[in-house]
Protein backbone atom coordinates (compact mmCIF):
# COMPACT_ATOMS: atom_id res chain seq x y z
CA MET A 1 0.02 0.05 -0.10
CA GLU A 2 2.89 2.29 0.70
CA ALA A 3 4.77 1.23 -2.30
CA VAL A 4 1.66 2.26 -4.35
CA ILE A 5 1.07 5.89 -2.04
CA PHE A 6 4.87 6.37 -3.12
CA LEU A 7 4.46 6.05 -6.72
CA SER A 8 1.15 7.52 -6.95
CA ILE A 9 3.49 10.71 -4.89
CA ILE A 10 6.42 10.00 -7.42
CA ILE A 11 3.68 10.52 -10.74
CA ALA A 12 1.55 13.58 -9.86
CA LEU A 13 5.22 15.32 -9.04
CA PHE A 14 6.61 14.27 -12.04
CA SER A 15 3.44 15.70 -13.95
CA ILE A 16 3.57 18.54 -11.93
CA LEU A 17 7.21 19.16 -13.26
CA VAL A 18 6.13 18.16 -17.04
CA SER A 19 3.49 20.95 -16.73
CA CYS A 20 5.91 23.41 -15.00
CA PHE A 21 8.60 23.08 -18.23
CA ALA A 22 5.73 22.75 -20.39
CA ILE A 23 4.03 26.69 -19.39
CA ARG A 24 7.47 27.70 -19.42
CA ARG A 25 7.68 26.41 -22.55
CA VAL A 26 4.85 27.97 -24.03
CA LYS A 27 5.31 31.12 -22.24
CA LYS A 28 8.32 31.77 -23.86
CA GLN A 29 7.20 30.64 -27.45
CA ILE A 30 4.31 33.69 -26.47
CA ALA A 31 7.07 36.04 -25.67
CA GLU A 32 8.43 35.28 -28.57
CA ILE A 33 5.23 35.33 -31.28
CA THR A 34 4.94 38.85 -29.08
CA ASP A 35 8.33 40.00 -30.10
CA THR A 36 7.71 38.93 -33.95
CA LEU A 37 4.58 40.68 -34.15
CA ILE A 38 5.81 43.33 -32.62
CA ASP A 39 8.61 43.49 -35.37
CA VAL A 40 6.45 42.56 -38.54
CA LYS A 41 3.73 46.11 -37.45
CA ASN A 42 7.61 47.95 -36.97
CA GLY A 43 7.93 46.81 -40.90
CA ASN A 44 9.74 43.69 -40.87
CA GLY A 45 8.04 41.96 -42.64
CA ASN A 46 10.54 38.82 -43.05
CA ARG A 47 9.96 37.37 -39.81
CA ARG A 48 8.89 33.93 -39.11
CA ILE A 49 7.70 32.42 -35.68
CA LEU A 50 9.93 28.72 -35.76
CA SER A 51 7.64 25.60 -33.49
CA ALA A 52 8.18 22.35 -34.21
CA THR A 53 5.31 20.55 -35.00
CA ASN A 54 4.52 18.72 -32.27
CA GLU A 55 4.78 21.51 -30.18
CA LEU A 56 1.37 23.47 -28.68
CA VAL A 57 2.39 26.29 -30.23
CA ALA A 58 2.47 25.21 -33.21
CA PRO A 59 -1.23 25.88 -35.03
CA LEU A 60 -1.01 29.37 -34.01
CA ALA A 61 2.31 29.84 -34.99
CA TYR A 62 1.56 28.82 -38.31
CA GLU A 63 -1.24 30.28 -38.93
CA ILE A 64 0.10 33.72 -37.77
CA ASN A 65 3.22 32.75 -39.94
CA GLU A 66 0.77 33.00 -42.67
CA ILE A 67 -1.47 35.92 -42.12
CA VAL A 68 2.40 37.77 -41.92
CA VAL A 69 2.67 36.12 -45.62
CA SER A 70 -0.33 37.31 -46.84
CA TYR A 71 -0.18 40.64 -45.09
CA GLU A 72 3.35 41.27 -46.68
CA SER A 73 1.56 40.65 -49.94
CA ARG A 74 -0.92 42.90 -49.97
CA LEU A 75 1.83 45.37 -48.57
CA SER A 76 3.99 44.59 -51.82
CA THR A 77 1.26 45.02 -54.09
CA VAL A 78 0.50 48.52 -52.26
CA ARG A 79 3.52 49.52 -52.63
CA GLN A 80 3.95 48.66 -57.05
CA THR A 81 0.42 50.17 -56.77
CA ASP A 82 1.87 53.62 -55.41
CA GLU A 83 4.85 53.32 -57.79
CA THR A 84 2.68 52.94 -60.60
CA ASN A 85 0.46 55.75 -59.93
CA ARG A 86 3.81 57.80 -59.27
CA GLN A 87 5.11 57.41 -62.25
CA LEU A 88 2.05 57.83 -63.88
CA MET A 89 1.61 61.27 -62.30
CA THR A 90 5.09 62.28 -63.40
CA SER A 91 3.93 60.95 -67.06
CA LEU A 92 1.35 62.89 -67.28
CA SER A 93 2.24 66.06 -65.84
CA HIS A 94 5.07 66.09 -68.80
CA ASP A 95 2.99 64.33 -71.66
CA VAL A 96 -0.15 67.04 -70.86
CA ARG A 97 1.72 70.08 -70.57
CA THR A 98 4.02 69.43 -73.19
CA PRO A 99 1.57 69.50 -75.83
CA LEU A 100 -1.47 71.64 -74.02
CA THR A 101 1.81 74.44 -73.88
CA THR A 102 2.34 74.36 -77.14
CA LEU A 103 -1.97 73.67 -77.91
CA ILE A 104 -2.33 77.35 -76.11
CA GLY A 105 0.29 78.95 -78.10
CA TYR A 106 -1.15 77.82 -81.83
CA LEU A 107 -4.82 79.12 -80.48
CA ASP A 108 -3.03 81.94 -78.73
CA SER A 109 -1.13 83.24 -81.90
CA ALA A 110 -4.27 83.13 -84.38
CA HIS A 111 -6.33 84.55 -81.82
CA LYS A 112 -4.35 87.40 -81.24
CA GLY A 113 -4.12 88.01 -85.12
CA ILE A 114 0.08 86.98 -85.13
CA VAL A 115 -0.39 85.09 -87.75
CA THR A 116 -3.20 84.97 -90.58
CA GLY A 117 -4.30 84.28 -93.68
CA LYS A 118 -2.97 80.30 -94.37
CA ASP A 119 -0.83 80.34 -91.35
CA SER A 120 -3.32 81.29 -89.06
CA ASP A 121 -5.09 77.74 -90.86
CA ASP A 122 -1.83 75.96 -90.21
CA TYR A 123 -1.93 77.01 -86.95
CA SER A 124 -5.93 76.24 -86.36
CA GLU A 125 -4.86 72.59 -87.74
CA LYS A 126 -1.89 71.69 -85.78
CA ALA A 127 -4.16 72.93 -82.76
CA ARG A 128 -6.78 70.67 -83.43
CA ARG A 129 -4.24 67.38 -83.75
CA LYS A 130 -2.42 68.38 -80.39
CA ALA A 131 -6.18 68.64 -78.82
CA HIS A 132 -7.03 64.68 -80.45
CA ASP A 133 -3.75 63.55 -79.36
CA LEU A 134 -4.83 64.70 -75.68
CA LYS A 135 -7.49 63.45 -75.82
CA GLU A 136 -6.27 59.59 -77.14
CA TYR A 137 -3.68 60.50 -74.27
CA ILE A 138 -6.49 61.12 -71.65
CA ASP A 139 -8.43 58.04 -72.67
CA VAL A 140 -5.66 55.94 -72.46
CA LEU A 141 -5.15 56.79 -68.68
CA PHE A 142 -9.13 56.37 -68.03
CA ASP A 143 -9.11 53.01 -69.75
CA TRP A 144 -5.73 51.82 -67.06
CA PHE A 145 -7.71 53.45 -64.48
CA LYS A 146 -10.76 52.19 -64.77
CA LEU A 147 -9.02 48.26 -65.57
CA ASN A 148 -7.05 48.67 -62.36
CA SER A 149 -10.01 49.65 -60.14
CA ASN A 150 -11.61 47.71 -57.49
CA GLU A 151 -15.47 48.31 -59.48
CA PHE A 152 -13.95 47.14 -63.07
CA ALA A 153 -16.00 44.96 -64.27
CA MET A 154 -16.88 43.18 -67.68
CA ASP A 155 -19.53 42.07 -69.57
CA ILE A 156 -18.54 38.95 -71.19
CA ASN A 157 -20.47 37.15 -73.20
CA ILE A 158 -21.34 34.20 -76.11
CA VAL A 159 -21.33 36.77 -78.95
CA GLU A 160 -20.26 36.30 -82.90
CA ALA A 161 -16.95 37.64 -83.49
CA ALA A 162 -16.06 37.69 -87.07
CA GLU A 163 -18.92 40.32 -88.12
CA LEU A 164 -18.12 42.33 -84.78
CA THR A 165 -14.39 42.60 -85.92
CA ARG A 166 -15.65 43.24 -89.54
CA ASN A 167 -18.27 46.16 -87.51
CA ILE A 168 -14.52 47.31 -85.45
CA LEU A 169 -12.48 47.41 -88.94
CA ILE A 170 -14.90 49.15 -91.33
CA ASP A 171 -14.26 52.02 -89.42
CA TRP A 172 -10.13 51.92 -89.67
CA ILE A 173 -10.51 51.84 -93.27
CA PRO A 174 -10.50 55.55 -93.83
CA ILE A 175 -7.80 56.04 -91.56
CA PHE A 176 -5.70 53.61 -93.26
CA GLU A 177 -6.17 55.11 -96.65
CA ASP A 178 -5.32 59.00 -94.95
CA LYS A 179 -2.29 57.60 -93.52
CA GLN A 180 -1.31 56.05 -96.57
CA ILE A 181 -1.08 52.40 -94.96
CA ASP A 182 -1.68 49.76 -97.17
CA TYR A 183 -3.93 47.16 -95.23
CA ASN A 184 -4.81 43.11 -95.87
CA ILE A 185 -8.21 42.20 -93.95
CA ASP A 186 -9.57 38.18 -94.24
CA ILE A 187 -12.31 37.49 -92.04
CA PRO A 188 -14.23 34.39 -93.31
CA GLU A 189 -17.88 33.99 -93.83
CA GLN A 190 -18.50 31.49 -91.16
CA PRO A 191 -19.28 32.23 -87.98
CA PHE A 192 -17.28 32.63 -84.87
CA ARG A 193 -19.02 32.02 -81.25
CA VAL A 194 -16.67 33.48 -78.11
CA LYS A 195 -16.84 35.14 -75.16
CA LEU A 196 -15.62 38.24 -75.44
CA ASP A 197 -16.76 42.19 -73.69
CA THR A 198 -17.84 44.03 -76.61
CA ASP A 199 -16.03 47.17 -75.39
CA GLY A 200 -12.99 45.03 -74.24
CA TYR A 201 -12.46 43.49 -78.09
CA MET A 202 -12.85 46.70 -79.44
CA ARG A 203 -10.47 48.09 -77.02
CA ILE A 204 -7.43 45.45 -77.60
CA LEU A 205 -7.76 45.50 -81.53
CA ASN A 206 -8.13 49.25 -81.44
CA ASN A 207 -4.96 49.74 -79.33
CA LEU A 208 -3.26 47.27 -81.05
CA ILE A 209 -3.73 48.68 -84.59
CA GLN A 210 -3.04 52.13 -83.27
CA ASN A 211 0.23 51.01 -81.75
CA VAL A 212 0.61 50.20 -85.40
CA ILE A 213 -0.05 53.92 -87.04
CA SER A 214 1.81 55.63 -83.90
CA HIS A 215 4.91 53.50 -83.28
CA SER A 216 6.42 51.07 -86.73
CA HIS A 217 5.93 53.21 -89.11
CA ALA A 218 4.88 51.18 -91.41
CA ASP A 219 3.22 51.74 -94.95
CA LYS A 220 1.14 47.79 -95.30
CA ILE A 221 -0.34 46.26 -92.23
CA GLU A 222 -2.29 42.68 -93.08
CA ILE A 223 -5.32 41.33 -90.76
CA ILE A 224 -6.34 38.01 -90.76
CA LEU A 225 -8.93 36.38 -88.63
CA SER A 226 -9.09 32.46 -88.60
CA LYS A 227 -10.00 29.00 -86.34
CA GLN A 228 -6.97 27.47 -84.49
CA GLU A 229 -8.17 23.81 -82.67
CA LYS A 230 -10.39 25.37 -79.84
CA ASN A 231 -10.13 29.04 -80.60
CA MET A 232 -10.27 32.20 -83.07
CA GLN A 233 -6.67 33.29 -83.79
CA ILE A 234 -6.31 37.03 -84.92
CA ARG A 235 -3.35 37.78 -86.68
CA LEU A 236 -2.44 41.61 -86.53
CA ALA A 237 0.83 41.74 -88.92
CA ASP A 238 2.97 45.13 -89.75
CA ASN A 239 6.26 46.20 -92.56
CA GLY A 240 7.72 48.61 -90.36
CA ILE A 241 10.83 49.07 -88.32
CA GLY A 242 10.56 46.13 -85.97
CA ILE A 243 11.13 46.07 -82.47
CA GLU A 244 14.14 45.13 -80.61
CA LYS A 245 14.72 41.24 -79.04
CA GLU A 246 15.33 43.51 -75.59
CA ASP A 247 12.11 45.28 -75.02
CA LEU A 248 10.17 42.13 -76.89
CA LYS A 249 10.75 40.71 -73.24
CA HIS A 250 8.64 44.02 -71.49
CA ILE A 251 6.43 45.41 -74.34
CA PHE A 252 3.27 44.56 -72.39
CA GLU A 253 4.39 45.67 -69.09
CA ARG A 254 3.03 49.36 -67.83
CA LEU A 255 4.81 52.39 -69.05
CA TYR A 256 7.30 50.43 -70.48
CA LYS A 257 8.41 52.64 -73.69
CA CYS A 258 10.83 51.07 -76.24
CA ASP A 259 13.98 53.48 -77.50
CA LYS A 260 13.58 52.50 -81.15
CA GLY A 261 10.25 50.90 -81.41
CA ARG A 262 8.44 53.31 -80.49
CA SER A 263 8.65 57.53 -80.81
CA GLU A 264 8.53 59.94 -78.06
CA LYS A 265 4.86 60.27 -78.30
CA GLY A 266 2.56 57.76 -76.19
CA SER A 267 1.74 56.93 -72.59
CA GLY A 268 3.57 53.63 -73.05
CA LEU A 269 -0.07 52.36 -71.19
CA GLY A 270 -1.87 51.00 -74.48
CA LEU A 271 -0.60 47.40 -74.57
CA SER A 272 -0.70 47.17 -70.92
CA ILE A 273 -4.39 47.45 -71.37
CA ALA A 274 -4.40 45.50 -74.06
CA HIS A 275 -2.58 42.64 -72.59
CA GLN A 276 -4.57 42.61 -69.29
CA LEU A 277 -8.38 42.71 -71.27
CA VAL A 278 -7.46 39.76 -73.62
CA GLU A 279 -6.62 37.92 -70.31
CA LYS A 280 -9.90 38.82 -68.70
CA MET A 281 -10.97 36.92 -71.12
CA ASN A 282 -9.58 34.02 -70.85
CA GLY A 283 -6.95 35.29 -74.00
CA THR A 284 -3.74 35.19 -75.17
CA ILE A 285 -1.37 37.82 -76.47
CA THR A 286 1.80 36.79 -78.51
CA ALA A 287 3.91 39.11 -80.14
CA ASN A 288 6.66 38.65 -82.19
CA SER A 289 9.16 40.93 -84.50
CA ILE A 290 12.23 41.19 -86.60
CA GLN A 291 13.46 44.70 -86.70
CA GLY A 292 13.13 46.23 -90.22
CA LYS A 293 11.20 43.19 -91.52
CA GLY A 294 8.07 44.38 -88.77
CA THR A 295 6.22 43.16 -85.50
CA GLU A 296 3.48 40.52 -85.20
CA PHE A 297 0.90 40.37 -82.70
CA THR A 298 -0.95 36.71 -82.11
CA LEU A 299 -4.53 36.78 -80.29
CA LEU A 300 -5.99 33.45 -78.73
CA PHE A 301 -9.53 32.96 -77.94
CA PRO A 302 -11.28 30.11 -76.89
CA LEU A 303 -14.24 29.38 -79.18
CA ALA A 304 -17.71 28.68 -76.34
CA LYS A 305 -18.73 25.15 -76.83
């Protein structure tokens, strides 16, 4: 009997010692967790809580680590957005202020009678072109901010894409002729049923064609629509100056401007907007280019079942 009592006391004492050790270990880990959270709060998002899988606080430690990783990822996105907005504002102040100052100069000269006759007509025409350039630039900026806002939503429906493409390109034919650009548009008679946002699809084609007109120095453009397995393919090619291999890797990045592939005119957002819109419609867009021979964009959109 005494042996049983003695053994019970030993077990009780051992349990108390183990409990004390466990409590002490948990307190230490809680202190480490607190220290880590304070460090994260002060801006160090690289801190992590170390814990063995068999420890009491392990589930809590792992959950906190996941929260910190998620927090750091969101913070990185916010930083990138802030940097993009800063670059946009810098670009806006330069790209808008300069042509706006020139536009005002032309209008003031015509209004004050500094230029007369044919010169006045020339100034008015230059002012008109500058105004259109400004509108185009502001439209692109509006599309960019709209596309990257939390309120942006697409109205995607099954549409007959061949007829939609024809209607979009019809409006470009007078512009091709005015710019003396030979064009070859090949759209088959067969229907292509594709899930698209019609406004977004129009913006994609318009941005790509505008990119050719503004930056490629091409005098020929080819737009071909065809079926490729389970996809509708649109190939848009020009015979312009082309894009350098190193620049080609970055042309869909926001605010990226090729040194030789583009003129100074432009926001650097048109191709990025097109790329984002294509992805939001479950499509793909790629570009190939040979300097001195031209550039080719290829779009693929899945055909509706």
